[in-house]
Amino acid sequence: MPALTVITIVYNNVRDIERTIKSVLNQTHKNLEYIIIDGKSTDGTMAVIDKYRTQISKVVSEPDKGIYDAMNKGLAMAKGDYILFMNSGDEIYDEHTVEEVFASTPGADIYYGETEMYNDNWESLGRRRHEAPEQFDWTSFKYGMNISHQAIYIKKSITEPYDLKYKYSADIDWIIKAAKKSSSIVNVHRYVAKYLVGGMSKKKHRESLKERFKIFTKYYGLIPNILNHIIIAGNLVFYFAKHRRTND
C-alpha cells in the first residue's frame, strides 16, 4: 500500500471545505497523509477544519503569496510516496477511488483518470470537455490541458516545487516536468475527481491563457505551439457547434 499525501489549499471557503475534507477522510485506502494549507481564512473555514483536526496530519494557517506558494508549502511537508492536490471545493470521486487507483498497476510513476465537473450548486455538468487521453506523456498537453490537476497522482520523487513566476498555470508546468521524468504513466480508466468549476484560472481566463501559451512554447516550440493552437481553436468551434445542435 503506497503512502499518499493529499494536500488541500483553502482560503475563505467555509461553504465547501467540509465536502473536500470528508472525501479525503472517508477513503478506504488508509495509508494516507492529509495536509491542509489555509491562507489565514477569516470566514469560519478554520472552525470547520478544527472539527476534523485529530484526523488531519498537518494544518497550517498563515498568509501566503498565492495558491502555488501555498502548494509549495504542502509539497515541502509531504512524506507520502505520491502527491495528490485536492483543493477546497473539489472531491475525490468516491470512497474507493484511491484504493482502486493504486490497485490498477502497482508502482507506476504517475496515475491519472477522468474528472466530473460540478457547478456552483454542486450539480453535475458531466465529464470535462477535454477527455483524458488513452495514453499520456509530457507532450500530451499540446492541444490543451486534458488531465485536471485533481485527477493526477504523481510520485513525490519526480516532483519539483511549483515555479512561482506563473500565477495561474503553474500546475501545467509542474505536471509536464514530472511527466518528462516519468517512465511509467497509467490511465486508471475511471472517474477519480469531482471538480468545482470556477477557480482562479477561470476568473483570470485571459491571463491564464497567456501563461499557458508561454509554457507550451517553452516545451513544444513557438511554431508547433502556434499550429497546435489553430487546431485547438478548430476543436473548440466544433465542440460548441456540436453542442448547439444537440441543445436545439
Foldseek 3Di string as FASTA:
>chain_A
DFAEEEEAEDAQCLPFQLQAVCLVLLAPPDSYAYEYEYQQHDNCNVVSVVVCVVVHRYYHYHHADADLRSVLVSLVPDDTQKYAYAYGNKHFPHRHQVVLQCVQDDDFQKEFEWEWEAEPVRDTPGTDPQDADQDDALCVCLLHDNTDRRGMIGGSVQFDRFDVVQRQPSSNVRVSSSRVVGDGYYYSYDHTMYYYPDDPCNVVVVSNVVVVLVSSCVPPNNVSSVVSVVVSVVVVVVVVVVVVVVVD
